Amino acid sequence: MIAKAGPDAAVRGIDDVHEAIGAGWLARHFVPTVSEPVRLHVEAKRYLCAVEPTYNAILSPASVRSLALQGGPMSPAEAEAFAATDHHAAAICLRRWDDEAKVQGLPVPGFDHYRPHMEAVARR
């Protein structure tokens, strides 16, 4: 079942396909080096669960619930195919940032820190 993105979608047994929603919006405003890692960050989670034995332990409860809805850890063949795709390394990096973003109280720079980077990759 696919539904609008929402914070409790996985609890309700729904894959909210947030990666597709986010990547679609970003693709209209930014270059593929920005939108593609977002599109692939769920695949990156599945990949990391398959290739890093300790990765599952750092997932938030919500990420564990959504992982089951998103196909679970990749098979060896899926992991090999993912590793061969463009933007896979950036998607893995984004996935790790996604995990860190769930840490309460983690210091993060303000919007002005990111503005020049966003302007550099914006579609003209």
Protein backbone atom coordinates (compact mmCIF):
# COMPACT_ATOMS: atom_id res chain seq x y z
CA MET A 1 0.00 0.00 0.00
CA ILE A 2 1.30 3.48 -0.89
CA ALA A 3 0.11 6.61 0.88
CA LYS A 4 1.15 10.19 1.51
CA ALA A 5 4.26 10.60 3.60
CA GLY A 6 3.60 10.80 7.29
CA PRO A 7 5.46 10.26 10.53
CA ASP A 8 3.38 7.23 11.53
CA ALA A 9 3.09 5.51 8.15
CA ALA A 10 5.35 2.54 9.05
CA VAL A 11 3.46 2.03 12.32
CA ARG A 12 0.32 1.67 10.20
CA GLY A 13 2.08 -0.82 7.89
CA ILE A 14 2.39 1.64 5.01
CA ASP A 15 5.46 2.31 2.88
CA ASP A 16 5.08 6.05 2.33
CA VAL A 17 7.69 6.06 -0.49
CA HIS A 18 9.14 9.22 0.99
CA GLU A 19 12.30 8.73 -1.05
CA ALA A 20 10.33 9.03 -4.31
CA ILE A 21 8.32 12.00 -3.08
CA GLY A 22 11.41 13.86 -1.89
CA ALA A 23 13.50 13.01 -4.94
CA GLY A 24 10.70 14.07 -7.29
CA TRP A 25 10.48 17.49 -5.67
CA LEU A 26 14.25 17.91 -5.56
CA ALA A 27 14.65 16.89 -9.22
CA ARG A 28 12.53 19.88 -10.23
CA HIS A 29 14.82 22.29 -8.37
CA PHE A 30 18.27 20.69 -8.16
CA VAL A 31 20.71 18.71 -10.29
CA PRO A 32 20.74 14.88 -10.18
CA THR A 33 23.72 14.81 -7.82
CA VAL A 34 21.26 16.15 -5.22
CA SER A 35 18.05 14.29 -6.12
CA GLU A 36 19.49 10.85 -6.91
CA PRO A 37 21.03 10.16 -3.49
CA VAL A 38 17.65 11.03 -1.96
CA ARG A 39 15.92 8.62 -4.33
CA LEU A 40 18.43 5.92 -3.37
CA HIS A 41 18.72 6.48 0.39
CA VAL A 42 16.21 3.73 1.24
CA GLU A 43 18.13 1.35 -1.01
CA ALA A 44 21.27 2.49 0.81
CA LYS A 45 19.70 1.47 4.13
CA ARG A 46 18.82 -1.95 2.71
CA TYR A 47 22.37 -2.23 1.35
CA LEU A 48 24.04 -1.28 4.63
CA CYS A 49 21.87 -3.77 6.52
CA ALA A 50 23.10 -6.46 4.14
CA VAL A 51 26.81 -5.64 4.11
CA GLU A 52 27.53 -4.20 7.58
CA PRO A 53 26.68 -6.65 10.37
CA THR A 54 26.38 -3.90 13.01
CA TYR A 55 24.36 -1.40 10.95
CA ASN A 56 20.95 -2.73 12.00
CA ALA A 57 21.78 -1.93 15.63
CA ILE A 58 22.04 1.83 14.98
CA LEU A 59 18.69 2.13 13.20
CA SER A 60 15.93 4.03 14.95
CA PRO A 61 12.79 2.04 15.81
CA ALA A 62 10.98 3.80 12.94
CA SER A 63 13.73 2.82 10.49
CA VAL A 64 13.55 -0.79 11.64
CA ARG A 65 9.77 -0.82 11.06
CA SER A 66 10.06 0.82 7.65
CA LEU A 67 12.92 -1.50 6.61
CA ALA A 68 10.54 -4.46 6.69
CA LEU A 69 8.08 -2.57 4.47
CA GLN A 70 10.87 -1.55 2.08
CA GLY A 71 12.06 -5.09 1.34
CA GLY A 72 14.43 -5.80 4.22
CA PRO A 73 18.18 -6.19 3.78
CA MET A 74 19.32 -6.67 0.19
CA SER A 75 20.27 -10.05 -1.17
CA PRO A 76 23.90 -10.42 -2.26
CA ALA A 77 22.85 -9.91 -5.89
CA GLU A 78 20.85 -6.78 -5.03
CA ALA A 79 23.77 -5.41 -3.01
CA GLU A 80 26.16 -5.98 -5.90
CA ALA A 81 23.79 -4.25 -8.33
CA PHE A 82 23.28 -1.30 -5.96
CA ALA A 83 27.04 -0.87 -5.51
CA ALA A 84 27.38 -0.59 -9.29
CA THR A 85 24.85 2.26 -9.66
CA ASP A 86 25.69 5.91 -10.10
CA HIS A 87 25.25 7.92 -6.90
CA HIS A 88 25.41 4.85 -4.62
CA ALA A 89 28.31 6.28 -2.58
CA ALA A 90 26.49 9.59 -2.09
CA ALA A 91 23.31 7.71 -1.15
CA ILE A 92 25.23 5.80 1.53
CA CYS A 93 26.63 9.06 2.87
CA LEU A 94 23.13 10.59 2.90
CA ARG A 95 21.80 7.48 4.66
CA ARG A 96 24.34 7.93 7.44
CA TRP A 97 23.35 11.60 7.77
CA ASP A 98 19.71 10.49 7.88
CA ASP A 99 20.55 8.21 10.81
CA GLU A 100 22.45 10.99 12.59
CA ALA A 101 19.53 13.38 12.07
CA LYS A 102 17.50 11.22 14.44
CA VAL A 103 19.92 11.86 17.32
CA GLN A 104 18.27 14.27 19.73
CA GLY A 105 20.33 17.39 20.47
CA LEU A 106 22.97 16.84 17.79
CA PRO A 107 24.43 20.27 16.94
CA VAL A 108 23.62 21.31 13.37
CA PRO A 109 24.62 24.48 11.51
CA GLY A 110 21.85 26.90 10.60
CA PHE A 111 20.32 27.38 7.15
CA ASP A 112 22.78 30.13 6.18
CA HIS A 113 25.60 27.59 6.38
CA TYR A 114 23.93 25.50 3.65
CA ARG A 115 22.65 28.31 1.39
CA PRO A 116 25.81 28.65 -0.78
CA HIS A 117 25.87 24.88 -1.33
CA MET A 118 22.22 24.83 -2.32
CA GLU A 119 22.69 27.75 -4.71
CA ALA A 120 25.65 25.97 -6.33
CA VAL A 121 23.53 22.91 -7.20
CA ALA A 122 20.22 24.61 -7.99
CA ARG A 123 18.72 24.21 -11.44
CA ARG A 124 19.04 27.49 -13.30
